[in-house]
Amino acid sequence: MWADSSEFEGALDRAAQHAKDWLGSLPGRQVKPRRTADDFEADFGGPLPTEGMPPAEVVDFLAAHAEPGLMAMQSGRFFGWVIGGTLPAAMAADWLVTAWDQNTGLLFATPATAAIEHGAGQWIVELLGLPRNSDAGFTTGASMANFTALCAARWRVLADAGWDSNIQGLAGGPSVRVVVGAERHETVDMVLRYLGLGSPEVVPVDGEGRMQPGALLDVLGRGSGPTIVCLQAGNLHSGAFDPFPECVAAARDAGAWVHVDGAFGLWAAASKELRHLVEGVELADSWGTDAHKTLNVPYDAGVVIVRDIPALRSAIGMHAEYLPQEDHGPGDPMEKVPELSRRARGVPVWAALRNLGRQGVDDLVSGRAAMAAELARRLREVPDVEVLNDVVFTQLVLAFGNDGRTRAVTRHVMADGRVWMSGSRWKDRDVLRVSVTNWATDQTDLEAAVEVITDALAATR
């Protein structure tokens, strides 16, 4: 039986108020959670109650009991991992997506949200200067964007070798070589496992993590057959970019498909000031990125872009008699991503792009890079701080003398809670990794970051 509209109104009104309260608390609250997961067992675990709870009360219960365990990832003082905040237009659009409840897989069934996603995809292709005839789909994140693109790549290189993987599978077919840089993101290896392609062949990188074209030529020359080369736009630690013109040329000479993992760095192409970092990236065959990072939209916003549309749709799409699919126009969304049932995840991306416009996206991307450079400049003036990378985009890698001191400073920063930064290991050194990704980060937040690190150094001296 359909619920009374007042039940929706009451629950949504409470959710809106709690959301406003949460957002209003961000400027003053510490970033780290105040409670651990174990602390919530009594609140959210135990046997399922026999009696239910009214919708508005459920919302109130969630907000009240979850709040101490929430990390303020939307704060301008969150520098851990590569996580953006959420632009207001994108957040509001995400609420609409949930209210509309459109299963965006078919043009016929959900024409509005399918059209919005198609428009968002084409805007991204245009913004990033990628081939206009490319197809774009919306995945859960950059990992699944890479999965989808490499699935299309696998299909194409095997088809070109005379092997139909859709019919014949992988067993008994030609072996597919996958060549990657030594500092690729670990999810690339994860995706290769999912695709049954095994461990990749590794190319040495330079001091910033960029693939060396000469070394790529050497690795490619050691074998033959169906080949995929994975390049990177934005190193996890340094933020560095592979030299695309030279690497793509080497891959082309070997007849390889070229994929670019650009989870956060691909957005440099939308900045007039930073476009040089990705010169030649448009020469690749496929690209993966994540709009929840540099574009600052809610999660569930991966983007896969593929130049070879037949390969994408052959590898990913499916047809069933009960599904009224279109055979014209941009194609059904379900032909571009792995899921059949999914929310209209491209709508918040469209909202962010329409809100910002071309110049606004440029300002957002350039501004985050400028903030990172400014933070690096300020930290270099602090005694005992080493900035280990060439800060070209939004990433900083810091060390504080020996590994023991760096670990101690990292622990102090994370325990302090005023900002959030994450420890890692790079170039055989323990480091503190800083990502300047949030649209809300301002000069006050940079000052807080410098102050916390200075305090941590004093406390560990």
Protein backbone atom coordinates (compact mmCIF):
# COMPACT_ATOMS: atom_id res chain seq x y z
CA MET A 1 0.00 0.00 0.00
CA TRP A 2 1.36 3.43 -0.94
CA ALA A 3 2.58 5.40 2.05
CA ASP A 4 0.88 8.64 3.00
CA SER A 5 2.81 11.59 1.58
CA SER A 6 3.17 12.98 5.09
CA GLU A 7 5.49 10.10 5.94
CA PHE A 8 7.83 11.19 3.16
CA GLU A 9 7.54 14.83 4.17
CA GLY A 10 8.31 14.17 7.81
CA ALA A 11 11.32 11.95 7.09
CA LEU A 12 12.70 14.25 4.38
CA ASP A 13 12.22 17.36 6.50
CA ARG A 14 14.17 15.75 9.33
CA ALA A 15 16.89 14.56 6.92
CA ALA A 16 17.21 18.06 5.45
CA GLN A 17 17.54 19.61 8.91
CA HIS A 18 20.13 17.07 10.03
CA ALA A 19 22.06 17.59 6.79
CA LYS A 20 22.10 21.36 7.38
CA ASP A 21 23.24 20.84 10.96
CA TRP A 22 26.06 18.58 9.79
CA LEU A 23 27.22 20.99 7.10
CA GLY A 24 27.03 23.89 9.54
CA SER A 25 29.27 22.05 12.00
CA LEU A 26 32.11 21.49 9.54
CA PRO A 27 34.04 24.76 9.98
CA GLY A 28 34.50 24.25 13.71
CA ARG A 29 34.56 20.50 14.25
CA GLN A 30 37.65 18.33 14.34
CA VAL A 31 38.10 16.22 11.24
CA LYS A 32 38.70 12.82 12.83
CA PRO A 33 35.79 10.77 14.27
CA ARG A 34 35.34 10.84 18.04
CA ARG A 35 34.34 7.18 18.32
CA THR A 36 35.53 3.91 16.78
CA ALA A 37 33.49 1.27 14.95
CA ASP A 38 33.45 -0.98 18.03
CA ASP A 39 31.70 1.78 19.97
CA PHE A 40 28.61 1.52 17.77
CA GLU A 41 27.71 -2.12 18.30
CA ALA A 42 25.00 -1.30 20.84
CA ASP A 43 23.55 1.45 18.65
CA PHE A 44 23.42 -0.30 15.30
CA GLY A 45 23.95 -4.00 16.00
CA GLY A 46 22.31 -6.73 18.03
CA PRO A 47 19.11 -8.60 17.15
CA LEU A 48 16.73 -6.93 14.72
CA PRO A 49 13.91 -5.36 16.79
CA THR A 50 10.52 -7.00 16.50
CA GLU A 51 8.69 -3.71 16.21
CA GLY A 52 9.45 -1.09 13.60
CA MET A 53 10.17 2.62 14.03
CA PRO A 54 8.42 5.51 12.20
CA PRO A 55 10.45 6.96 9.27
CA ALA A 56 11.14 10.36 10.86
CA GLU A 57 12.30 8.69 14.08
CA VAL A 58 14.64 6.42 12.09
CA VAL A 59 16.23 9.50 10.53
CA ASP A 60 16.58 11.20 13.91
CA PHE A 61 18.10 8.05 15.42
CA LEU A 62 20.64 7.73 12.60
CA ALA A 63 21.72 11.36 12.79
CA ALA A 64 22.05 11.42 16.56
CA HIS A 65 23.88 8.15 16.99
CA ALA A 66 26.12 8.25 13.91
CA GLU A 67 27.40 11.80 14.37
CA PRO A 68 30.27 10.98 16.78
CA GLY A 69 31.65 8.42 14.33
CA LEU A 70 31.60 10.60 11.23
CA MET A 71 34.79 11.94 9.70
CA ALA A 72 34.51 15.48 8.38
CA MET A 73 35.66 14.53 4.89
CA GLN A 74 33.84 17.55 3.50
CA SER A 75 35.91 19.90 5.61
CA GLY A 76 38.46 22.13 3.91
CA ARG A 77 40.95 20.70 6.42
CA PHE A 78 40.65 17.14 5.09
CA PHE A 79 43.88 16.40 3.21
CA GLY A 80 43.88 12.61 3.54
CA TRP A 81 43.67 10.46 0.42
CA VAL A 82 42.25 12.08 -2.74
CA ILE A 83 38.72 12.91 -1.68
CA GLY A 84 36.81 15.98 -2.75
CA GLY A 85 33.94 17.58 -0.91
CA THR A 86 30.51 17.99 -2.45
CA LEU A 87 29.44 21.06 -4.38
CA PRO A 88 25.97 22.31 -3.29
CA ALA A 89 24.38 21.82 -6.72
CA ALA A 90 25.74 18.27 -6.93
CA MET A 91 24.52 17.39 -3.45
CA ALA A 92 21.02 18.67 -4.11
CA ALA A 93 20.90 16.87 -7.46
CA ASP A 94 21.92 13.66 -5.67
CA TRP A 95 18.89 14.04 -3.40
CA LEU A 96 16.69 14.38 -6.48
CA VAL A 97 18.21 11.22 -7.96
CA THR A 98 17.16 9.29 -4.87
CA ALA A 99 13.65 10.79 -4.91
CA TRP A 100 13.19 10.14 -8.64
CA ASP A 101 14.34 6.52 -8.15
CA GLN A 102 15.10 5.97 -11.83
CA ASN A 103 16.85 2.71 -12.79
CA THR A 104 18.98 4.36 -15.45
CA GLY A 105 19.84 1.55 -17.81
CA LEU A 106 17.49 2.08 -20.75
CA LEU A 107 16.74 5.12 -22.89
CA PHE A 108 13.20 3.84 -23.44
CA ALA A 109 12.40 3.48 -19.74
CA THR A 110 14.24 6.48 -18.27
CA PRO A 111 14.68 8.98 -21.11
CA ALA A 112 15.29 12.04 -18.92
CA THR A 113 18.05 10.68 -16.68
CA ALA A 114 19.62 8.78 -19.59
CA ALA A 115 19.74 12.01 -21.59
CA ILE A 116 21.19 13.92 -18.62
CA GLU A 117 23.95 11.32 -18.27
CA HIS A 118 24.69 11.42 -21.98
CA GLY A 119 24.95 15.20 -21.83
CA ALA A 120 27.27 15.05 -18.81
CA GLY A 121 29.45 12.49 -20.53
CA GLN A 122 29.80 14.58 -23.67
CA TRP A 123 30.58 17.69 -21.61
CA ILE A 124 33.40 15.78 -19.88
CA VAL A 125 34.79 14.57 -23.21
CA GLU A 126 34.71 18.17 -24.45
CA LEU A 127 36.25 19.62 -21.27
CA LEU A 128 39.10 17.13 -21.26
CA GLY A 129 39.85 17.54 -24.95
CA LEU A 130 39.25 13.88 -25.73
CA PRO A 131 38.07 12.55 -29.12
CA ARG A 132 34.53 13.78 -29.75
CA ASN A 133 33.34 10.40 -31.02
CA SER A 134 34.16 8.71 -27.69
CA ASP A 135 31.50 7.08 -25.52
CA ALA A 136 31.23 7.87 -21.80
CA GLY A 137 29.60 5.87 -19.04
CA PHE A 138 29.17 6.39 -15.29
CA THR A 139 30.53 3.75 -12.92
CA THR A 140 30.77 3.50 -9.14
CA GLY A 141 34.29 4.94 -9.10
CA ALA A 142 37.67 5.03 -10.83
CA SER A 143 38.33 1.35 -10.09
CA MET A 144 35.26 0.26 -12.04
CA ALA A 145 35.99 2.85 -14.72
CA ASN A 146 39.36 1.19 -15.24
CA PHE A 147 37.71 -2.23 -15.13
CA THR A 148 35.22 -1.25 -17.82
CA ALA A 149 37.84 0.31 -20.09
CA LEU A 150 40.23 -2.62 -19.74
CA CYS A 151 37.37 -5.03 -20.41
CA ALA A 152 36.83 -3.23 -23.73
CA ALA A 153 40.59 -3.27 -24.34
CA ARG A 154 40.76 -7.02 -23.70
CA TRP A 155 37.91 -7.64 -26.11
CA ARG A 156 39.50 -5.52 -28.85
CA VAL A 157 43.07 -6.84 -28.71
CA LEU A 158 41.80 -10.42 -28.71
CA ALA A 159 39.34 -9.72 -31.53
CA ASP A 160 42.17 -8.21 -33.59
CA ALA A 161 44.10 -11.43 -32.97
CA GLY A 162 41.18 -13.45 -34.34
CA TRP A 163 39.81 -14.59 -30.99
CA ASP A 164 36.21 -13.87 -29.88
CA SER A 165 36.43 -13.78 -26.10
CA ASN A 166 32.64 -13.42 -25.77
CA ILE A 167 32.14 -16.84 -27.36
CA GLN A 168 35.43 -18.62 -26.79
CA GLY A 169 36.34 -17.24 -23.38
CA LEU A 170 39.98 -16.83 -22.41
CA ALA A 171 41.15 -20.42 -22.03
CA GLY A 172 43.11 -21.53 -25.06
CA GLY A 173 43.23 -18.06 -26.56
CA PRO A 174 46.19 -15.78 -27.17
CA SER A 175 47.87 -14.45 -24.04
CA VAL A 176 47.21 -10.75 -23.42
CA ARG A 177 50.21 -8.72 -22.29
CA VAL A 178 49.50 -5.81 -19.95
CA VAL A 179 52.31 -3.29 -19.43
CA VAL A 180 52.21 -0.82 -16.53
CA GLY A 181 54.44 1.67 -14.72
CA ALA A 182 56.19 0.66 -11.52
CA GLU A 183 54.13 3.20 -9.55
CA ARG A 184 50.66 2.54 -10.95
CA HIS A 185 47.77 2.53 -8.51
CA GLU A 186 47.23 -0.89 -6.91
CA THR A 187 43.67 -1.01 -8.22
CA VAL A 188 45.05 -1.52 -11.74
CA ASP A 189 46.47 -4.87 -10.59
CA MET A 190 43.17 -5.62 -8.85
CA VAL A 191 41.25 -4.99 -12.07
CA LEU A 192 43.62 -7.23 -14.03
CA ARG A 193 42.87 -10.03 -11.56
CA TYR A 194 39.16 -9.50 -12.05
CA LEU A 195 39.65 -9.74 -15.82
CA GLY A 196 41.72 -12.92 -15.63
CA LEU A 197 44.78 -11.20 -17.10
CA GLY A 198 47.19 -11.93 -14.25
CA SER A 199 50.20 -9.89 -13.21
CA PRO A 200 51.37 -7.11 -15.54
CA GLU A 201 54.81 -6.45 -16.98
CA VAL A 202 56.38 -3.51 -15.16
CA VAL A 203 58.21 -0.51 -16.65
CA PRO A 204 60.71 1.47 -14.52
CA VAL A 205 59.80 5.04 -13.58
CA ASP A 206 61.75 8.20 -12.79
CA GLY A 207 62.11 9.89 -9.42
CA GLU A 208 58.59 11.36 -9.58
CA GLY A 209 56.95 8.07 -10.63
CA ARG A 210 56.66 8.87 -14.36
CA MET A 211 57.00 6.01 -16.82
CA GLN A 212 60.24 6.18 -18.81
CA PRO A 213 59.52 5.95 -22.58
CA GLY A 214 62.84 4.28 -23.36
CA ALA A 215 62.18 1.63 -20.73
CA LEU A 216 58.67 1.14 -22.13
CA LEU A 217 60.17 0.48 -25.57
CA ASP A 218 62.50 -2.09 -24.03
CA VAL A 219 59.70 -3.92 -22.24
CA LEU A 220 57.45 -3.91 -25.30
CA GLY A 221 60.31 -5.27 -27.39
CA ARG A 222 60.63 -8.36 -25.23
CA GLY A 223 57.37 -9.88 -26.45
CA SER A 224 54.55 -9.73 -28.96
CA GLY A 225 50.88 -10.52 -29.34
CA PRO A 226 47.78 -8.75 -27.99
CA THR A 227 49.01 -5.92 -25.75
CA ILE A 228 47.54 -3.28 -23.43
CA VAL A 229 49.59 -0.39 -22.02
CA CYS A 230 48.31 1.40 -18.92
CA LEU A 231 49.51 4.98 -18.41
CA GLN A 232 48.82 7.32 -15.50
CA ALA A 233 47.55 10.88 -15.13
CA GLY A 234 48.34 11.80 -11.54
CA ASN A 235 50.70 9.66 -9.47
CA LEU A 236 49.19 8.57 -6.16
CA HIS A 237 52.01 10.21 -4.21
CA SER A 238 53.73 12.85 -6.32
CA GLY A 239 50.82 13.77 -8.59
CA ALA A 240 53.16 13.38 -11.60
CA PHE A 241 51.97 12.56 -15.12
CA ASP A 242 53.40 10.04 -17.56
CA PRO A 243 54.88 11.57 -20.76
CA PHE A 244 51.93 10.71 -22.97
CA PRO A 245 53.19 11.61 -26.48
CA GLU A 246 56.29 9.44 -26.21
CA CYS A 247 54.61 6.57 -24.34
CA VAL A 248 51.61 6.44 -26.66
CA ALA A 249 53.90 6.46 -29.69
CA ALA A 250 55.87 3.52 -28.27
CA ALA A 251 52.64 1.63 -27.56
CA ARG A 252 51.30 2.32 -31.06
CA ASP A 253 54.47 0.91 -32.62
CA ALA A 254 53.73 -2.30 -30.73
CA GLY A 255 50.07 -2.31 -31.83
CA ALA A 256 48.90 -1.88 -28.22
CA TRP A 257 45.70 -0.46 -26.79
CA VAL A 258 46.51 2.49 -24.52
CA HIS A 259 44.49 3.11 -21.36
CA VAL A 260 44.97 6.08 -19.00
CA ASP A 261 44.20 5.79 -15.30
CA GLY A 262 43.37 9.42 -14.49
CA ALA A 263 41.37 9.02 -11.29
CA PHE A 264 42.11 12.58 -10.17
CA GLY A 265 44.78 13.91 -12.53
CA LEU A 266 42.86 13.66 -15.79
CA TRP A 267 41.00 16.81 -14.74
CA ALA A 268 44.18 18.81 -15.32
CA ALA A 269 43.07 18.80 -18.96
CA ALA A 270 40.20 21.13 -18.00
CA SER A 271 42.64 23.83 -16.83
CA LYS A 272 44.30 26.19 -19.30
CA GLU A 273 47.19 26.60 -16.86
CA LEU A 274 47.69 22.87 -16.26
CA ARG A 275 46.75 21.39 -19.62
CA HIS A 276 50.43 20.93 -20.49
CA LEU A 277 50.65 18.21 -17.84
CA VAL A 278 48.43 15.93 -19.94
CA GLU A 279 49.70 16.87 -23.40
CA GLY A 280 49.03 13.92 -25.69
CA VAL A 281 46.55 12.18 -23.36
CA GLU A 282 43.90 12.44 -26.08
CA LEU A 283 45.95 10.01 -28.20
CA ALA A 284 45.01 7.08 -25.94
CA ASP A 285 42.14 4.63 -26.54
CA SER A 286 40.40 4.79 -23.16
CA TRP A 287 40.40 6.79 -19.95
CA GLY A 288 39.12 6.33 -16.40
CA THR A 289 38.49 9.06 -13.84
CA ASP A 290 36.41 9.85 -10.79
CA ALA A 291 34.28 12.97 -10.49
CA HIS A 292 34.02 12.65 -6.70
CA LYS A 293 37.67 13.58 -6.51
CA THR A 294 38.74 16.70 -8.39
CA LEU A 295 35.23 17.71 -9.55
CA ASN A 296 33.85 17.45 -6.00
CA VAL A 297 30.56 15.61 -6.53
CA PRO A 298 29.11 12.88 -4.26
CA TYR A 299 30.49 9.35 -4.36
CA ASP A 300 29.35 6.86 -7.00
CA ALA A 301 30.71 9.08 -9.79
CA GLY A 302 33.34 7.20 -11.77
CA VAL A 303 33.61 8.00 -15.47
CA VAL A 304 34.82 5.63 -18.19
CA ILE A 305 35.54 7.04 -21.66
CA VAL A 306 36.30 4.82 -24.64
CA ARG A 307 37.15 5.84 -28.18
CA ASP A 308 36.33 2.41 -29.66
CA ILE A 309 32.55 2.29 -29.14
CA PRO A 310 32.02 -1.16 -30.72
CA ALA A 311 34.63 -2.62 -28.36
CA LEU A 312 32.97 -1.06 -25.30
CA ARG A 313 29.49 -2.22 -26.20
CA SER A 314 30.63 -5.68 -27.27
CA ALA A 315 32.52 -6.20 -24.03
CA ILE A 316 30.04 -4.63 -21.61
CA GLY A 317 26.56 -4.59 -23.20
CA MET A 318 23.90 -7.26 -23.21
CA HIS A 319 20.53 -7.80 -24.88
CA ALA A 320 17.41 -9.51 -23.54
CA GLU A 321 13.96 -9.95 -25.05
CA TYR A 322 12.23 -8.34 -22.09
CA LEU A 323 14.31 -5.14 -22.30
CA PRO A 324 13.03 -2.58 -24.85
CA GLN A 325 16.43 -1.34 -26.02
CA GLU A 326 17.08 1.47 -28.49
CA ASP A 327 19.22 0.78 -31.55
CA HIS A 328 20.03 4.40 -32.37
CA GLY A 329 21.37 7.61 -30.87
CA PRO A 330 23.77 7.54 -27.95
CA GLY A 331 23.00 3.95 -27.00
CA ASP A 332 21.55 2.65 -23.75
CA PRO A 333 23.47 3.44 -20.57
CA MET A 334 23.56 -0.29 -19.75
CA GLU A 335 25.80 -0.82 -22.79
CA LYS A 336 28.54 1.36 -21.25
CA VAL A 337 28.87 0.14 -17.65
CA PRO A 338 28.69 -3.27 -15.93
CA GLU A 339 25.44 -2.80 -13.99
CA LEU A 340 21.90 -3.22 -15.27
CA SER A 341 20.21 -1.88 -12.14
CA ARG A 342 21.68 1.37 -10.86
CA ARG A 343 20.82 4.89 -9.80
CA ALA A 344 21.19 7.84 -12.18
CA ARG A 345 24.70 8.53 -10.93
CA GLY A 346 25.59 10.89 -13.76
CA VAL A 347 22.95 13.47 -12.76
CA PRO A 348 25.00 15.08 -9.93
CA VAL A 349 27.94 15.28 -12.35
CA TRP A 350 25.75 17.13 -14.86
CA ALA A 351 24.57 19.46 -12.06
CA ALA A 352 28.15 20.26 -11.03
CA LEU A 353 29.20 20.98 -14.61
CA ARG A 354 26.14 23.11 -15.30
CA ASN A 355 26.69 24.99 -12.05
CA LEU A 356 30.38 25.69 -12.73
CA GLY A 357 30.54 26.05 -16.50
CA ARG A 358 33.81 25.67 -18.37
CA GLN A 359 35.49 28.58 -16.55
CA GLY A 360 34.31 27.40 -13.16
CA VAL A 361 35.78 23.93 -13.69
CA ASP A 362 39.04 25.56 -14.81
CA ASP A 363 39.06 27.72 -11.67
CA LEU A 364 38.28 24.73 -9.43
CA VAL A 365 41.08 22.56 -10.84
CA SER A 366 43.65 25.36 -11.06
CA GLY A 367 42.71 26.57 -7.61
CA ARG A 368 43.34 23.20 -5.95
CA ALA A 369 46.77 22.98 -7.61
CA ALA A 370 47.59 26.54 -6.55
CA MET A 371 46.59 25.72 -2.95
CA ALA A 372 48.87 22.68 -2.99
CA ALA A 373 51.78 24.76 -4.27
CA GLU A 374 51.12 27.40 -1.60
CA LEU A 375 50.99 24.78 1.15
CA ALA A 376 54.28 23.32 -0.09
CA ARG A 377 55.88 26.78 -0.03
CA ARG A 378 54.75 27.41 3.55
CA LEU A 379 55.88 24.00 4.78
CA ARG A 380 59.34 24.38 3.23
CA GLU A 381 59.79 27.34 5.58
CA VAL A 382 59.18 25.12 8.63
CA PRO A 383 62.39 23.61 10.07
CA ASP A 384 62.69 19.80 9.70
CA VAL A 385 60.03 19.57 6.97
CA GLU A 386 61.06 17.94 3.69
CA VAL A 387 58.81 18.23 0.66
CA LEU A 388 59.95 15.20 -1.32
CA ASN A 389 58.06 15.65 -4.58
CA ASP A 390 57.87 18.22 -7.34
CA VAL A 391 54.44 19.71 -6.56
CA VAL A 392 52.89 19.92 -10.04
CA PHE A 393 49.25 19.23 -9.20
CA THR A 394 47.45 18.59 -5.90
CA GLN A 395 49.74 16.14 -4.08
CA LEU A 396 52.45 16.70 -1.47
CA VAL A 397 54.76 14.09 0.03
CA LEU A 398 56.37 15.09 3.34
CA ALA A 399 59.07 13.58 5.52
CA PHE A 400 60.58 14.74 8.79
CA GLY A 401 64.08 13.30 8.96
CA ASN A 402 64.23 9.57 9.62
CA ASP A 403 61.34 7.12 9.31
CA GLY A 404 60.78 6.97 13.06
CA ARG A 405 60.31 10.73 13.32
CA THR A 406 58.02 10.76 10.29
CA ARG A 407 55.84 8.02 11.78
CA ALA A 408 55.69 9.90 15.07
CA VAL A 409 54.67 13.15 13.38
CA THR A 410 52.05 11.28 11.34
CA ARG A 411 50.57 9.71 14.47
CA HIS A 412 50.47 13.10 16.20
CA VAL A 413 48.74 14.78 13.24
CA MET A 414 46.08 12.08 13.03
CA ALA A 415 45.50 12.08 16.79
CA ASP A 416 45.26 15.87 16.89
CA GLY A 417 42.16 15.85 14.69
CA ARG A 418 42.21 19.48 13.52
CA VAL A 419 43.26 18.32 10.06
CA TRP A 420 43.47 14.89 8.48
CA MET A 421 46.48 13.62 6.54
CA SER A 422 47.51 10.04 5.84
CA GLY A 423 50.75 8.13 6.26
CA SER A 424 52.24 6.11 3.43
CA ARG A 425 55.55 4.82 2.10
CA TRP A 426 57.26 6.19 -1.03
CA LYS A 427 60.75 5.70 -2.46
CA ASP A 428 61.65 3.44 0.50
CA ARG A 429 60.76 6.15 3.02
CA ASP A 430 57.88 6.60 5.43
CA VAL A 431 56.01 9.74 4.43
CA LEU A 432 53.03 11.93 5.27
CA ARG A 433 50.88 12.24 2.17
CA VAL A 434 48.78 15.37 1.62
CA SER A 435 46.06 15.81 -1.00
CA VAL A 436 44.53 19.23 -1.66
CA THR A 437 41.29 18.24 -3.36
CA ASN A 438 38.36 19.85 -1.55
CA TRP A 439 36.67 22.81 -3.24
CA ALA A 440 36.19 24.43 0.18
CA THR A 441 39.86 24.49 1.21
CA ASP A 442 41.00 28.08 1.77
CA GLN A 443 43.91 30.00 3.25
CA THR A 444 42.63 29.45 6.80
CA ASP A 445 42.73 25.70 6.22
CA LEU A 446 46.30 25.91 4.93
CA GLU A 447 47.26 27.85 8.05
CA ALA A 448 45.69 25.14 10.20
CA ALA A 449 47.66 22.47 8.32
CA VAL A 450 50.97 24.27 8.87
CA GLU A 451 50.12 24.85 12.53
CA VAL A 452 49.27 21.20 13.17
CA ILE A 453 52.46 19.96 11.51
CA THR A 454 54.53 22.52 13.41
CA ASP A 455 52.93 21.40 16.67
CA ALA A 456 53.56 17.75 15.78
CA LEU A 457 57.22 18.47 15.11
CA ALA A 458 57.55 20.24 18.46
CA ALA A 459 55.84 17.37 20.26
CA THR A 460 58.14 14.75 18.72
CA ARG A 461 61.39 16.66 19.07
